Amino acid sequence: MDFKFLEVNDDDLLEKVFEFRYKILIDIYPDYLQNLNLKEEKEQDKYDPYSIHFAVLDKNDEICATVRLIHNSPLGYPTENYMKTDIDSFQRNKLGEMSRIF
């Protein structure tokens, strides 16, 4: 198979990443998306501004997977904000969190 792996540095491609995330999540977690009351069919959250985004494109240049690395987020990280963890064991300046959608 022919895939391209790239860092998302383009606003148009980033919008497509958010659209892709929505398309995947609507099938898996429709209640989650409905609770967000989104105006557009794009899934974004408060961690995106603190993330580096990556995409995998198929042979037709369509997104088939995304990954983001959240780093140095003043909001914390999804794991520490939504799961029970021992956050005192983290060295925050050396912490990042990856999330992915395929």
C-alpha atoms as a PDB file:
ATOM      1  CA  MET A   1       0.000   0.000   0.000  1.00  0.00           C
ATOM      2  CA  ASP A   2       0.982   3.559  -0.650  1.00  0.00           C
ATOM      3  CA  PHE A   3       0.856   5.841   2.405  1.00  0.00           C
ATOM      4  CA  LYS A   4       2.240   9.289   3.160  1.00  0.00           C
ATOM      5  CA  PHE A   5       3.121  10.197   6.751  1.00  0.00           C
ATOM      6  CA  LEU A   6       3.371  13.894   7.494  1.00  0.00           C
ATOM      7  CA  GLU A   7       3.251  16.586  10.121  1.00  0.00           C
ATOM      8  CA  VAL A   8       0.209  18.805   9.625  1.00  0.00           C
ATOM      9  CA  ASN A   9       1.491  22.333   9.005  1.00  0.00           C
ATOM     10  CA  ASP A  10      -1.342  23.536   6.798  1.00  0.00           C
ATOM     11  CA  ASP A  11      -4.604  25.009   8.144  1.00  0.00           C
ATOM     12  CA  ASP A  12      -6.682  23.352   5.403  1.00  0.00           C
ATOM     13  CA  LEU A  13      -5.248  19.930   6.200  1.00  0.00           C
ATOM     14  CA  LEU A  14      -5.755  20.525   9.919  1.00  0.00           C
ATOM     15  CA  GLU A  15      -9.447  21.218   9.247  1.00  0.00           C
ATOM     16  CA  LYS A  16      -9.591  17.897   7.380  1.00  0.00           C
ATOM     17  CA  VAL A  17      -8.030  16.203  10.418  1.00  0.00           C
ATOM     18  CA  PHE A  18     -10.837  17.585  12.589  1.00  0.00           C
ATOM     19  CA  GLU A  19     -13.417  16.400  10.039  1.00  0.00           C
ATOM     20  CA  PHE A  20     -11.829  12.939   9.985  1.00  0.00           C
ATOM     21  CA  ARG A  21     -11.909  12.734  13.770  1.00  0.00           C
ATOM     22  CA  TYR A  22     -15.602  13.624  13.706  1.00  0.00           C
ATOM     23  CA  LYS A  23     -16.387  10.946  11.089  1.00  0.00           C
ATOM     24  CA  ILE A  24     -14.697   8.264  13.173  1.00  0.00           C
ATOM     25  CA  LEU A  25     -16.146   9.362  16.506  1.00  0.00           C
ATOM     26  CA  ILE A  26     -19.723   9.688  15.243  1.00  0.00           C
ATOM     27  CA  ASP A  27     -19.723   5.914  14.647  1.00  0.00           C
ATOM     28  CA  ILE A  28     -18.032   4.999  17.916  1.00  0.00           C
ATOM     29  CA  TYR A  29     -19.148   7.673  20.408  1.00  0.00           C
ATOM     30  CA  PRO A  30     -22.221   9.446  18.983  1.00  0.00           C
ATOM     31  CA  ASP A  31     -23.399  10.496  22.456  1.00  0.00           C
ATOM     32  CA  TYR A  32     -20.073  12.219  23.107  1.00  0.00           C
ATOM     33  CA  LEU A  33     -20.387  14.302  19.935  1.00  0.00           C
ATOM     34  CA  GLN A  34     -24.069  15.078  20.524  1.00  0.00           C
ATOM     35  CA  ASN A  35     -23.234  16.380  24.006  1.00  0.00           C
ATOM     36  CA  LEU A  36     -20.727  18.803  22.479  1.00  0.00           C
ATOM     37  CA  ASN A  37     -23.463  20.550  20.446  1.00  0.00           C
ATOM     38  CA  LEU A  38     -21.041  21.148  17.573  1.00  0.00           C
ATOM     39  CA  LYS A  39     -21.919  23.714  14.910  1.00  0.00           C
ATOM     40  CA  GLU A  40     -19.877  21.884  12.278  1.00  0.00           C
ATOM     41  CA  GLU A  41     -19.007  18.252  11.695  1.00  0.00           C
ATOM     42  CA  LYS A  42     -15.506  18.717  13.098  1.00  0.00           C
ATOM     43  CA  GLU A  43     -14.157  17.367  16.376  1.00  0.00           C
ATOM     44  CA  GLN A  44     -11.711  19.579  18.208  1.00  0.00           C
ATOM     45  CA  ASP A  45     -10.952  19.954  21.873  1.00  0.00           C
ATOM     46  CA  LYS A  46      -9.110  22.210  24.273  1.00  0.00           C
ATOM     47  CA  TYR A  47      -5.845  20.271  23.822  1.00  0.00           C
ATOM     48  CA  ASP A  48      -5.501  20.882  20.072  1.00  0.00           C
ATOM     49  CA  PRO A  49      -3.802  24.293  20.405  1.00  0.00           C
ATOM     50  CA  TYR A  50      -1.111  22.574  22.508  1.00  0.00           C
ATOM     51  CA  SER A  51      -0.634  19.713  20.052  1.00  0.00           C
ATOM     52  CA  ILE A  52       1.508  18.776  17.106  1.00  0.00           C
ATOM     53  CA  HIS A  53      -0.712  16.982  14.606  1.00  0.00           C
ATOM     54  CA  PHE A  54       0.280  14.232  12.193  1.00  0.00           C
ATOM     55  CA  ALA A  55      -1.716  12.561   9.427  1.00  0.00           C
ATOM     56  CA  VAL A  56      -1.457   9.477   7.279  1.00  0.00           C
ATOM     57  CA  LEU A  57      -2.743   9.890   3.726  1.00  0.00           C
ATOM     58  CA  ASP A  58      -3.752   7.008   1.472  1.00  0.00           C
ATOM     59  CA  LYS A  59      -2.965   6.690  -2.234  1.00  0.00           C
ATOM     60  CA  ASN A  60      -5.807   9.142  -3.008  1.00  0.00           C
ATOM     61  CA  ASP A  61      -4.397  11.705  -0.553  1.00  0.00           C
ATOM     62  CA  GLU A  62      -7.317  11.094   1.817  1.00  0.00           C
ATOM     63  CA  ILE A  63      -6.695  10.985   5.554  1.00  0.00           C
ATOM     64  CA  CYS A  64      -6.810   7.434   6.911  1.00  0.00           C
ATOM     65  CA  ALA A  65      -5.230   8.006  10.334  1.00  0.00           C
ATOM     66  CA  THR A  66      -4.278  10.854  12.640  1.00  0.00           C
ATOM     67  CA  VAL A  67      -2.016  11.240  15.646  1.00  0.00           C
ATOM     68  CA  ARG A  68      -1.441  14.221  17.872  1.00  0.00           C
ATOM     69  CA  LEU A  69       1.201  14.859  20.499  1.00  0.00           C
ATOM     70  CA  ILE A  70       0.014  17.100  23.303  1.00  0.00           C
ATOM     71  CA  HIS A  71       2.990  18.742  24.982  1.00  0.00           C
ATOM     72  CA  ASN A  72       3.454  21.432  27.590  1.00  0.00           C
ATOM     73  CA  SER A  73      -0.284  21.922  28.003  1.00  0.00           C
ATOM     74  CA  PRO A  74      -1.225  24.401  30.737  1.00  0.00           C
ATOM     75  CA  LEU A  75      -4.584  22.583  30.854  1.00  0.00           C
ATOM     76  CA  GLY A  76      -2.945  19.336  31.853  1.00  0.00           C
ATOM     77  CA  TYR A  77      -3.415  16.182  29.781  1.00  0.00           C
ATOM     78  CA  PRO A  78      -6.470  14.018  29.087  1.00  0.00           C
ATOM     79  CA  THR A  79      -5.041  11.121  31.080  1.00  0.00           C
ATOM     80  CA  GLU A  80      -4.507  13.173  34.201  1.00  0.00           C
ATOM     81  CA  ASN A  81      -7.747  15.145  33.809  1.00  0.00           C
ATOM     82  CA  TYR A  82     -10.090  12.238  33.098  1.00  0.00           C
ATOM     83  CA  MET A  83      -8.437   9.212  34.687  1.00  0.00           C
ATOM     84  CA  LYS A  84      -7.317   8.447  38.197  1.00  0.00           C
ATOM     85  CA  THR A  85      -3.523   8.669  38.170  1.00  0.00           C
ATOM     86  CA  ASP A  86      -0.694   9.607  40.475  1.00  0.00           C
ATOM     87  CA  ILE A  87       0.116  12.966  38.875  1.00  0.00           C
ATOM     88  CA  ASP A  88       2.809  13.665  41.443  1.00  0.00           C
ATOM     89  CA  SER A  89       4.961  11.044  39.724  1.00  0.00           C
ATOM     90  CA  PHE A  90       5.008  13.042  36.445  1.00  0.00           C
ATOM     91  CA  GLN A  91       7.759  15.460  35.569  1.00  0.00           C
ATOM     92  CA  ARG A  92       5.512  17.875  33.695  1.00  0.00           C
ATOM     93  CA  ASN A  93       8.294  19.474  31.620  1.00  0.00           C
ATOM     94  CA  LYS A  94       9.131  16.003  30.274  1.00  0.00           C
ATOM     95  CA  LEU A  95       5.547  14.885  29.736  1.00  0.00           C
ATOM     96  CA  GLY A  96       3.590  14.545  26.510  1.00  0.00           C
ATOM     97  CA  GLU A  97       0.516  12.559  25.580  1.00  0.00           C
ATOM     98  CA  MET A  98      -0.338  10.967  22.267  1.00  0.00           C
ATOM     99  CA  SER A  99      -3.837  10.336  20.977  1.00  0.00           C
ATOM    100  CA  ARG A 100      -4.629   8.637  17.712  1.00  0.00           C
ATOM    101  CA  ILE A 101      -7.527   7.772  15.437  1.00  0.00           C
ATOM    102  CA  PHE A 102      -7.369   5.174  12.661  1.00  0.00           C
END
